[in-house]
């Protein structure tokens, strides 16, 4: 049994426990490295993904890596599709004001019966056919509004990137948690076996008069608690699988295989460096800066509202003699053409004054929001950097506790072979080892969560899997 102990501790030390090998776990009983479910199949996610939907492969599980899951989510997310449509709407809206500075041609007719001086409600002469051309040449308030809308369209594209980051974050967290849940279920099912052995031994000893009924009840409670935890984790696993199926565009009947993975070490930077990166790449900060630029464009245009506006105009019309033009005008001419510019010089405009005041207030509010956002982002990066370090420390504690539990099993195995401890004590040690395993898995997942949140705040989440 000394060789068994050496095999167990040797496996622990060989791993180093700095991070779990993807898809691997160490058995305390044998010291062997066991592959988690789906680890081998996930080595070729593209082939497995390509098989999804094929008639001959329907119902077979699809093996995914974290990267392939994120790629599928980015391709199939409905949230991203909606954000793209919203960005398209903003882009078209920004062209409405800009179109005023481009040639605009209109054709129509104002034919109708007239009694008295021939005119239409619009002030133009009735015509069988008319053709009009308009184009803004100089209109600074309108140009400022157009630039504001163009900047808002650019900010909507930033929102699209933020939606993509949200999809990446949710998909990665769901994937990693599902891997943790399934690994924990394996451990709990192993605990069930140990709990059954403990309860069996305790009942036998109680029947022989060596144990109190209290000990039997304790062993039954332990088994019931394990069963309860299994049911809870199975429910959580089903929720995560359904969520991923929706995110990835898979059918609900399509099973998913995941592999425990470690995240790339892009967040392993000094806090000060991440603050500088966040000031350039944080989505919320970029949106606040874009809003300030939009308000500056609007204010600049409103301030130039006291300048003249110039519009190029041209009109061609075909008139009809039955509208009695000859009775009111000295000469009737069927074809008429006019071209020139229309200049308006504002002498006094209350609307311009109020527009400037509103634009100034809006700009000041945007600038205050930007300053507040900068302070908030800096504080968030520092806080989440500290949180990540705390999770690192918690993971290290869980690793050492797990290593200690495994070493303790090695000792107990030796003592059991020598008859110094009974089977119940050995199985209880295995229960403790499984508990430490699950504590380590929880600590590792919490550390991954903290890392993902820090990357998103720093604006680096989309660069991790490039």
Protein backbone atom coordinates (compact mmCIF):
# COMPACT_ATOMS: atom_id res chain seq x y z
CA UNK A 1 0.00 0.00 0.00
CA UNK A 2 3.00 2.31 0.29
CA UNK A 3 3.19 2.24 -3.50
CA UNK A 4 -0.45 3.32 -3.68
CA UNK A 5 0.23 6.31 -1.44
CA UNK A 6 3.21 7.32 -3.56
CA UNK A 7 1.13 7.06 -6.71
CA UNK A 8 -1.56 9.33 -5.30
CA UNK A 9 0.77 12.01 -4.02
CA UNK A 10 2.93 11.77 -7.12
CA UNK A 11 -0.09 12.47 -9.32
CA UNK A 12 -0.98 15.51 -7.21
CA UNK A 13 2.51 16.93 -7.32
CA UNK A 14 2.87 16.23 -11.02
CA UNK A 15 -0.17 18.32 -11.75
CA UNK A 16 1.18 21.12 -9.61
CA UNK A 17 -2.45 22.13 -9.07
CA UNK A 18 -1.80 25.61 -10.42
CA UNK A 19 -4.63 24.92 -12.82
CA UNK A 20 -6.65 21.88 -13.79
CA UNK A 21 -5.63 20.08 -16.93
CA UNK A 22 -8.47 20.59 -19.43
CA UNK A 23 -10.92 17.75 -18.98
CA UNK A 24 -8.79 15.92 -16.41
CA UNK A 25 -9.25 14.85 -12.82
CA UNK A 26 -7.19 12.79 -10.43
CA UNK A 27 -8.70 9.81 -8.70
CA UNK A 28 -7.78 9.59 -5.05
CA UNK A 29 -8.24 5.83 -5.14
CA UNK A 30 -5.92 5.07 -8.06
CA UNK A 31 -3.91 8.21 -8.66
CA UNK A 32 -4.82 8.00 -12.35
CA UNK A 33 -5.67 10.96 -14.52
CA UNK A 34 -9.26 10.51 -15.69
CA UNK A 35 -10.76 12.29 -18.68
CA UNK A 36 -13.95 14.21 -17.98
CA UNK A 37 -16.97 13.35 -20.17
CA UNK A 38 -16.62 14.83 -23.64
CA UNK A 39 -12.96 15.74 -23.24
CA UNK A 40 -11.77 13.37 -25.95
CA UNK A 41 -14.61 14.13 -28.35
CA UNK A 42 -14.14 17.85 -27.91
CA UNK A 43 -10.68 17.69 -29.40
CA UNK A 44 -12.30 17.99 -32.85
CA UNK A 45 -15.25 20.39 -32.38
CA UNK A 46 -15.50 21.39 -36.02
CA UNK A 47 -16.26 17.90 -37.22
CA UNK A 48 -18.78 17.39 -34.46
CA UNK A 49 -20.42 20.72 -35.11
CA UNK A 50 -20.66 19.96 -38.81
CA UNK A 51 -22.57 16.78 -37.99
CA UNK A 52 -25.30 18.68 -36.17
CA UNK A 53 -28.55 18.66 -38.09
CA UNK A 54 -27.59 15.77 -40.34
CA UNK A 55 -30.33 13.16 -40.55
CA UNK A 56 -27.97 10.33 -39.72
CA UNK A 57 -26.54 12.14 -36.67
CA UNK A 58 -29.66 13.64 -35.13
CA UNK A 59 -29.74 13.04 -31.39
CA UNK A 60 -25.97 12.61 -31.14
CA UNK A 61 -24.28 15.07 -28.76
CA UNK A 62 -22.27 17.93 -30.22
CA UNK A 63 -18.81 18.32 -28.68
CA UNK A 64 -17.77 21.93 -28.20
CA UNK A 65 -14.72 23.77 -27.02
CA UNK A 66 -15.14 27.14 -25.36
CA UNK A 67 -13.88 28.92 -28.49
CA UNK A 68 -16.21 27.04 -30.85
CA UNK A 69 -19.18 27.70 -28.55
CA UNK A 70 -18.44 31.44 -28.58
CA UNK A 71 -18.08 31.45 -32.37
CA UNK A 72 -21.45 29.70 -32.75
CA UNK A 73 -23.10 32.13 -30.33
CA UNK A 74 -21.77 35.13 -32.25
CA UNK A 75 -23.14 33.66 -35.47
CA UNK A 76 -26.58 32.72 -34.16
CA UNK A 77 -27.43 35.12 -31.32
CA UNK A 78 -30.81 36.83 -31.75
CA UNK A 79 -29.61 39.69 -29.53
CA UNK A 80 -26.85 40.44 -32.03
CA UNK A 81 -29.29 40.27 -34.92
CA UNK A 82 -31.56 42.81 -33.20
CA UNK A 83 -28.59 45.08 -32.43
CA UNK A 84 -27.52 44.97 -36.09
CA UNK A 85 -31.01 46.04 -37.15
CA UNK A 86 -30.95 48.89 -34.64
CA UNK A 87 -27.55 49.99 -35.95
CA UNK A 88 -29.00 49.93 -39.47
CA UNK A 89 -31.95 52.07 -38.37
CA UNK A 90 -29.59 54.62 -36.80
CA UNK A 91 -27.43 54.67 -39.93
CA UNK A 92 -30.43 55.39 -42.16
CA UNK A 93 -31.75 58.02 -39.75
CA UNK A 94 -28.41 59.84 -39.91
CA UNK A 95 -28.79 60.14 -43.69
CA UNK A 96 -32.14 61.96 -43.49
CA UNK A 97 -30.64 65.35 -42.60
CA UNK A 98 -27.66 64.77 -44.85
CA UNK A 99 -30.01 64.16 -47.78
CA UNK A 100 -31.14 67.78 -47.60
CA UNK A 101 -27.69 68.79 -48.87
CA UNK A 102 -28.02 66.50 -51.89
CA UNK A 103 -30.11 67.10 -55.03
CA UNK A 104 -33.81 66.35 -54.49
CA UNK A 105 -36.16 66.12 -57.46
CA UNK A 106 -39.96 66.01 -57.30
CA UNK A 107 -42.54 65.61 -60.04
CA UNK A 108 -46.28 66.10 -59.72
CA UNK A 109 -49.40 67.85 -60.87
CA UNK A 110 -51.57 70.64 -59.53
CA UNK A 111 -54.36 70.43 -62.11
CA UNK A 112 -57.80 71.50 -60.94
CA UNK A 113 -60.78 73.76 -61.48
CA UNK A 114 -60.21 77.44 -60.61
CA UNK A 115 -62.62 80.34 -60.27
CA UNK A 116 -60.90 83.66 -60.02
CA UNK A 117 -57.14 84.07 -59.72
CA UNK A 118 -55.52 80.63 -60.44
CA UNK A 119 -53.67 79.37 -57.40
CA UNK A 120 -53.34 76.21 -55.28
CA UNK A 121 -53.40 75.84 -51.47
CA UNK A 122 -49.62 75.61 -51.60
CA UNK A 123 -49.35 79.03 -53.22
CA UNK A 124 -48.21 77.80 -56.63
CA UNK A 125 -50.03 78.17 -59.89
CA UNK A 126 -52.18 75.19 -60.99
CA UNK A 127 -50.28 73.12 -63.55
CA UNK A 128 -50.82 70.01 -65.60
CA UNK A 129 -47.31 68.89 -64.74
CA UNK A 130 -44.52 70.30 -62.58
CA UNK A 131 -40.94 69.33 -61.80
CA UNK A 132 -39.06 70.74 -58.78
CA UNK A 133 -35.43 70.60 -57.70
CA UNK A 134 -34.16 71.63 -54.23
CA UNK A 135 -30.77 71.38 -52.53
CA UNK A 136 -29.52 72.96 -49.33
CA UNK A 137 -26.27 74.83 -49.99
CA UNK A 138 -25.63 76.45 -46.62
CA UNK A 139 -27.67 75.70 -43.48
CA UNK A 140 -25.53 75.31 -40.37
CA UNK A 141 -28.27 74.34 -37.87
CA UNK A 142 -29.41 71.57 -40.20
CA UNK A 143 -25.82 70.48 -40.80
CA UNK A 144 -25.22 70.32 -37.04
CA UNK A 145 -28.26 68.11 -36.59
CA UNK A 146 -27.01 65.83 -39.35
CA UNK A 147 -23.57 65.47 -37.74
CA UNK A 148 -25.22 64.73 -34.40
CA UNK A 149 -27.26 61.95 -35.99
CA UNK A 150 -24.16 60.55 -37.73
CA UNK A 151 -22.34 60.41 -34.39
CA UNK A 152 -25.33 58.68 -32.83
CA UNK A 153 -25.19 56.13 -35.63
CA UNK A 154 -21.52 55.50 -34.80
CA UNK A 155 -22.45 55.08 -31.14
CA UNK A 156 -25.04 52.49 -32.15
CA UNK A 157 -22.24 50.48 -33.75
CA UNK A 158 -20.45 50.67 -30.39
CA UNK A 159 -23.63 49.35 -28.79
CA UNK A 160 -23.51 46.46 -31.27
CA UNK A 161 -20.00 45.59 -30.07
CA UNK A 162 -21.22 45.78 -26.48
CA UNK A 163 -24.04 43.35 -27.30
CA UNK A 164 -21.48 40.99 -28.84
CA UNK A 165 -19.36 41.22 -25.69
CA UNK A 166 -22.45 40.43 -23.62
CA UNK A 167 -23.12 37.34 -25.73
CA UNK A 168 -19.50 36.24 -25.34
CA UNK A 169 -19.63 36.77 -21.57
CA UNK A 170 -22.92 34.92 -21.07
CA UNK A 171 -21.89 32.06 -23.35
CA UNK A 172 -18.48 31.65 -21.72
CA UNK A 173 -19.93 31.71 -18.20
CA UNK A 174 -22.67 29.22 -19.09
CA UNK A 175 -20.15 26.92 -20.81
CA UNK A 176 -17.70 27.00 -17.90
CA UNK A 177 -20.44 26.53 -15.31
CA UNK A 178 -21.91 23.60 -17.23
CA UNK A 179 -18.49 21.95 -17.29
CA UNK A 180 -18.18 22.52 -13.54
CA UNK A 181 -21.67 21.19 -12.84
CA UNK A 182 -21.09 17.99 -14.81
CA UNK A 183 -17.73 17.43 -13.15
CA UNK A 184 -19.36 17.96 -9.74
CA UNK A 185 -22.08 15.45 -10.62
CA UNK A 186 -19.43 12.82 -11.32
CA UNK A 187 -17.94 13.47 -7.90
CA UNK A 188 -21.33 13.36 -6.16
CA UNK A 189 -22.21 10.04 -7.77
CA UNK A 190 -18.91 8.70 -6.43
CA UNK A 191 -19.94 10.11 -3.05
CA UNK A 192 -23.20 8.16 -3.29
CA UNK A 193 -21.23 4.94 -3.49
CA UNK A 194 -19.18 5.87 -0.45
CA UNK A 195 -22.31 6.95 1.46
CA UNK A 196 -23.97 3.61 0.64
CA UNK A 197 -20.95 1.72 1.98
CA UNK A 198 -20.88 3.83 5.16
CA UNK A 199 -24.61 3.29 5.75
CA UNK A 200 -24.31 -0.45 5.13
CA UNK A 201 -21.40 -0.84 7.56
CA UNK A 202 -23.13 1.33 10.17
CA UNK A 203 -26.37 -0.68 9.93
CA UNK A 204 -24.47 -3.94 10.29
CA UNK A 205 -22.63 -2.66 13.35
CA UNK A 206 -25.86 -1.31 14.82
CA UNK A 207 -27.48 -4.73 14.32
CA UNK A 208 -24.55 -6.30 16.17
CA UNK A 209 -24.93 -3.79 18.98
CA UNK A 210 -21.75 -1.83 18.28
CA UNK A 211 -23.44 1.38 17.05
CA UNK A 212 -26.26 3.55 18.31
CA UNK A 213 -29.29 4.23 16.09
CA UNK A 214 -28.04 7.82 16.02
CA UNK A 215 -25.11 6.79 13.81
CA UNK A 216 -27.45 5.05 11.36
CA UNK A 217 -29.56 8.20 11.12
CA UNK A 218 -26.43 10.27 10.46
CA UNK A 219 -25.39 7.99 7.62
CA UNK A 220 -28.89 8.13 6.14
CA UNK A 221 -28.86 11.93 6.38
CA UNK A 222 -25.52 12.06 4.58
CA UNK A 223 -26.89 9.95 1.73
CA UNK A 224 -30.07 12.06 1.52
CA UNK A 225 -28.03 15.26 1.39
CA UNK A 226 -25.93 13.89 -1.46
CA UNK A 227 -29.08 12.90 -3.36
CA UNK A 228 -30.48 16.39 -2.84
CA UNK A 229 -27.32 18.01 -4.17
CA UNK A 230 -27.34 15.70 -7.20
CA UNK A 231 -30.91 16.72 -8.03
CA UNK A 232 -30.05 20.39 -7.64
CA UNK A 233 -27.03 20.12 -9.91
CA UNK A 234 -28.94 18.10 -12.49
CA UNK A 235 -31.57 20.83 -12.59
CA UNK A 236 -28.92 23.53 -12.95
CA UNK A 237 -27.19 21.53 -15.67
CA UNK A 238 -30.45 21.26 -17.63
CA UNK A 239 -30.99 25.03 -17.33
CA UNK A 240 -27.49 25.77 -18.59
CA UNK A 241 -27.79 23.31 -21.47
CA UNK A 242 -31.11 24.82 -22.60
CA UNK A 243 -29.61 28.30 -22.38
CA UNK A 244 -26.59 27.29 -24.48
CA UNK A 245 -28.82 25.58 -27.03
CA UNK A 246 -30.68 28.87 -27.47
CA UNK A 247 -27.49 30.93 -27.64
CA UNK A 248 -25.82 28.61 -30.13
CA UNK A 249 -28.85 28.10 -32.35
CA UNK A 250 -29.13 24.37 -31.61
CA UNK A 251 -32.27 22.29 -31.37
CA UNK A 252 -33.55 21.59 -27.86
CA UNK A 253 -33.12 17.86 -28.42
CA UNK A 254 -29.44 18.37 -29.31
CA UNK A 255 -27.23 17.34 -26.39
CA UNK A 256 -24.04 19.29 -25.70
CA UNK A 257 -20.69 17.98 -24.52
CA UNK A 258 -18.33 20.47 -22.88
CA UNK A 259 -14.75 20.28 -21.68
CA UNK A 260 -13.30 21.96 -18.54
CA UNK A 261 -11.00 24.71 -19.79
CA UNK A 262 -8.85 27.47 -18.46
CA UNK A 263 -9.22 31.01 -19.81
CA UNK A 264 -6.36 32.69 -21.68
CA UNK A 265 -4.19 34.79 -19.40
CA UNK A 266 -5.03 38.14 -21.01
CA UNK A 267 -6.19 39.56 -17.68
CA UNK A 268 -2.91 38.80 -15.97
CA UNK A 269 -1.74 42.41 -16.10
CA UNK A 270 -1.01 45.07 -13.56
CA UNK A 271 -4.03 47.04 -12.45
CA UNK A 272 -2.57 50.33 -13.71
CA UNK A 273 -2.06 48.87 -17.18
CA UNK A 274 -5.63 47.60 -17.29
CA UNK A 275 -6.93 51.02 -16.21
CA UNK A 276 -5.11 52.62 -19.14
CA UNK A 277 -6.48 49.96 -21.51
CA UNK A 278 -10.00 50.41 -20.14
CA UNK A 279 -9.84 54.18 -20.71
CA UNK A 280 -9.42 53.45 -24.41
CA UNK A 281 -11.60 50.36 -24.87
CA UNK A 282 -14.38 50.37 -22.26
CA UNK A 283 -17.67 50.39 -24.17
CA UNK A 284 -19.55 52.56 -21.67
CA UNK A 285 -16.77 55.14 -21.79
CA UNK A 286 -16.70 55.10 -25.60
CA UNK A 287 -20.46 55.68 -25.67
CA UNK A 288 -20.14 58.62 -23.27
CA UNK A 289 -17.38 60.16 -25.41
CA UNK A 290 -19.48 59.68 -28.54
CA UNK A 291 -22.43 61.41 -26.87
CA UNK A 292 -20.24 64.41 -25.99
CA UNK A 293 -19.08 64.70 -29.61
CA UNK A 294 -22.67 64.52 -30.85
CA UNK A 295 -23.75 67.30 -28.49
CA UNK A 296 -20.77 69.43 -29.57
CA UNK A 297 -21.83 69.11 -33.22
CA UNK A 298 -25.36 70.15 -32.32
CA UNK A 299 -24.22 73.20 -30.31
CA UNK A 300 -21.84 74.32 -33.07
CA UNK A 301 -24.66 74.19 -35.60
CA UNK A 302 -27.14 76.01 -33.35
CA UNK A 303 -24.63 78.82 -32.69
CA UNK A 304 -24.40 79.39 -36.43
CA UNK A 305 -28.15 79.73 -36.68
CA UNK A 306 -27.76 83.52 -36.99
CA UNK A 307 -25.99 83.09 -40.33
CA UNK A 308 -27.94 83.16 -43.62
CA UNK A 309 -29.26 79.96 -45.14
CA UNK A 310 -28.90 79.31 -48.86
CA UNK A 311 -30.94 76.83 -50.86
CA UNK A 312 -30.71 76.08 -54.58
CA UNK A 313 -34.17 75.79 -56.19
CA UNK A 314 -35.55 75.18 -59.65
CA UNK A 315 -39.08 74.68 -60.99
CA UNK A 316 -40.54 73.68 -64.35
CA UNK A 317 -44.31 73.64 -64.91
CA UNK A 318 -46.76 73.10 -67.75
CA UNK A 319 -49.89 75.30 -67.43
CA UNK A 320 -53.34 74.84 -68.91
CA UNK A 321 -55.41 77.60 -70.58
CA UNK A 322 -58.64 76.42 -68.95
CA UNK A 323 -57.46 77.88 -65.64
CA UNK A 324 -58.22 81.38 -67.10
CA UNK A 325 -54.67 82.72 -66.88
CA UNK A 326 -55.39 85.10 -69.82
CA UNK A 327 -58.10 86.85 -67.81
CA UNK A 328 -55.76 87.81 -64.98
CA UNK A 329 -52.32 88.02 -66.67
CA UNK A 330 -51.34 89.94 -69.83
CA UNK A 331 -49.72 86.91 -71.45
CA UNK A 332 -50.26 83.17 -71.07
CA UNK A 333 -47.23 80.86 -71.47
CA UNK A 334 -47.67 77.08 -71.36
CA UNK A 335 -44.06 76.11 -70.46
CA UNK A 336 -42.44 77.87 -67.51
CA UNK A 337 -39.01 77.42 -65.95
CA UNK A 338 -37.42 79.10 -62.92
CA UNK A 339 -33.99 78.52 -61.34
CA UNK A 340 -31.94 80.29 -58.68
CA UNK A 341 -31.15 80.39 -54.97
CA UNK A 342 -33.30 81.19 -51.99
CA UNK A 343 -31.50 83.15 -49.28
CA UNK A 344 -32.92 83.74 -45.83
CA UNK A 345 -31.22 86.12 -43.39
CA UNK A 346 -32.44 85.77 -39.80
CA UNK A 347 -32.94 89.21 -38.26
CA UNK A 348 -34.40 87.94 -35.02
CA UNK A 349 -35.05 84.28 -34.20
CA UNK A 350 -36.28 83.24 -30.77
CA UNK A 351 -36.02 79.64 -31.91
CA UNK A 352 -32.28 79.99 -32.55
CA UNK A 353 -31.66 81.48 -29.10
CA UNK A 354 -33.57 78.72 -27.33
CA UNK A 355 -31.90 76.07 -29.50
CA UNK A 356 -28.46 77.29 -28.41
CA UNK A 357 -29.48 77.21 -24.73
CA UNK A 358 -30.84 73.67 -25.03
CA UNK A 359 -27.73 72.46 -26.86
CA UNK A 360 -25.45 73.97 -24.19
CA UNK A 361 -27.34 72.28 -21.37
CA UNK A 362 -27.27 68.94 -23.17
CA UNK A 363 -23.52 69.26 -23.78
CA UNK A 364 -22.83 70.09 -20.13
CA UNK A 365 -24.86 67.08 -19.03
CA UNK A 366 -22.95 64.81 -21.43
CA UNK A 367 -19.60 66.16 -20.23
CA UNK A 368 -20.56 65.56 -16.60
CA UNK A 369 -21.65 62.02 -17.48
CA UNK A 370 -18.33 61.39 -19.23
CA UNK A 371 -16.30 62.61 -16.24
CA UNK A 372 -18.36 60.44 -13.91
CA UNK A 373 -17.96 57.44 -16.22
CA UNK A 374 -14.18 57.80 -16.31
CA UNK A 375 -13.99 57.75 -12.52
CA UNK A 376 -16.40 54.82 -12.39
CA UNK A 377 -14.47 52.73 -14.94
CA UNK A 378 -11.16 53.39 -13.17
CA UNK A 379 -12.66 52.33 -9.84
CA UNK A 380 -14.32 49.25 -11.37
CA UNK A 381 -11.10 48.02 -12.98
CA UNK A 382 -9.17 48.38 -9.73
CA UNK A 383 -11.95 46.75 -7.72
CA UNK A 384 -12.30 43.83 -10.13
CA UNK A 385 -8.52 43.41 -10.26
CA UNK A 386 -8.49 43.07 -6.47
CA UNK A 387 -11.45 40.71 -6.66
CA UNK A 388 -9.59 38.53 -9.16
CA UNK A 389 -6.58 38.34 -6.84
CA UNK A 390 -8.86 37.33 -3.98
CA UNK A 391 -10.29 34.57 -6.17
CA UNK A 392 -6.77 33.47 -7.02
CA UNK A 393 -6.02 33.18 -3.31
CA UNK A 394 -9.27 31.27 -2.68
CA UNK A 395 -8.44 28.86 -5.50
CA UNK A 396 -4.99 28.24 -4.01
CA UNK A 397 -6.53 27.50 -0.59
CA UNK A 398 -8.99 25.07 -2.20
CA UNK A 399 -6.14 23.42 -4.11
CA UNK A 400 -4.12 22.85 -0.96
CA UNK A 401 -7.14 21.54 0.92
CA UNK A 402 -7.79 19.09 -1.90
CA UNK A 403 -4.16 18.02 -1.96
CA UNK A 404 -4.25 17.48 1.80
CA UNK A 405 -7.43 15.40 1.53
CA UNK A 406 -5.88 13.22 -1.16
CA UNK A 407 -2.72 12.73 0.85
CA UNK A 408 -4.87 11.81 3.85
CA UNK A 409 -6.59 9.09 1.78
CA UNK A 410 -3.21 7.71 0.85
CA UNK A 411 -2.33 7.42 4.54
CA UNK A 412 -5.69 5.84 5.41
CA UNK A 413 -5.37 3.33 2.58
CA UNK A 414 -2.07 2.17 4.06
CA UNK A 415 -3.58 2.00 7.55
CA UNK A 416 -6.64 0.14 6.26
CA UNK A 417 -4.45 -2.51 4.66
CA UNK A 418 -2.70 -2.89 8.01
CA UNK A 419 -6.01 -3.17 9.85
CA UNK A 420 -5.56 0.06 11.81
CA UNK A 421 -8.69 1.78 10.41
CA UNK A 422 -12.00 0.39 9.21
CA UNK A 423 -13.77 0.75 5.87
CA UNK A 424 -16.15 3.39 7.20
CA UNK A 425 -13.31 5.76 8.08
CA UNK A 426 -11.76 5.27 4.65
CA UNK A 427 -15.04 5.98 2.88
CA UNK A 428 -15.61 9.06 5.00
CA UNK A 429 -12.20 10.31 3.91
CA UNK A 430 -13.24 9.76 0.30
CA UNK A 431 -16.39 11.78 0.96
CA UNK A 432 -14.22 14.56 2.32
CA UNK A 433 -11.96 14.37 -0.74
CA UNK A 434 -14.94 14.71 -3.07
CA UNK A 435 -16.19 17.69 -1.09
CA UNK A 436 -12.77 19.32 -1.45
CA UNK A 437 -12.84 18.53 -5.18
CA UNK A 438 -16.15 20.34 -5.56
CA UNK A 439 -14.89 23.25 -3.45
CA UNK A 440 -11.90 23.50 -5.78
CA UNK A 441 -14.15 23.42 -8.85
CA UNK A 442 -16.30 26.18 -7.34
CA UNK A 443 -13.24 28.29 -6.53
CA UNK A 444 -11.86 27.80 -10.02
CA UNK A 445 -15.18 28.79 -11.64
CA UNK A 446 -15.50 31.87 -9.43
CA UNK A 447 -12.00 32.86 -10.45
CA UNK A 448 -12.95 32.46 -14.13
CA UNK A 449 -16.07 34.58 -13.58
CA UNK A 450 -13.98 37.34 -12.03
CA UNK A 451 -11.51 37.18 -14.91
CA UNK A 452 -14.25 37.43 -17.55
CA UNK A 453 -15.87 40.39 -15.81
CA UNK A 454 -12.52 42.17 -15.57
CA UNK A 455 -11.83 41.57 -19.25
CA UNK A 456 -15.24 42.96 -20.21
CA UNK A 457 -14.76 46.08 -18.10
CA UNK A 458 -11.32 46.62 -19.63
CA UNK A 459 -12.74 46.20 -23.15
CA UNK A 460 -10.54 43.18 -23.85
CA UNK A 461 -13.13 40.41 -23.87
CA UNK A 462 -13.43 40.26 -27.66
CA UNK A 463 -9.64 40.03 -28.09
CA UNK A 464 -9.17 36.93 -25.95
CA UNK A 465 -10.42 34.46 -28.56
CA UNK A 466 -9.13 36.24 -31.68
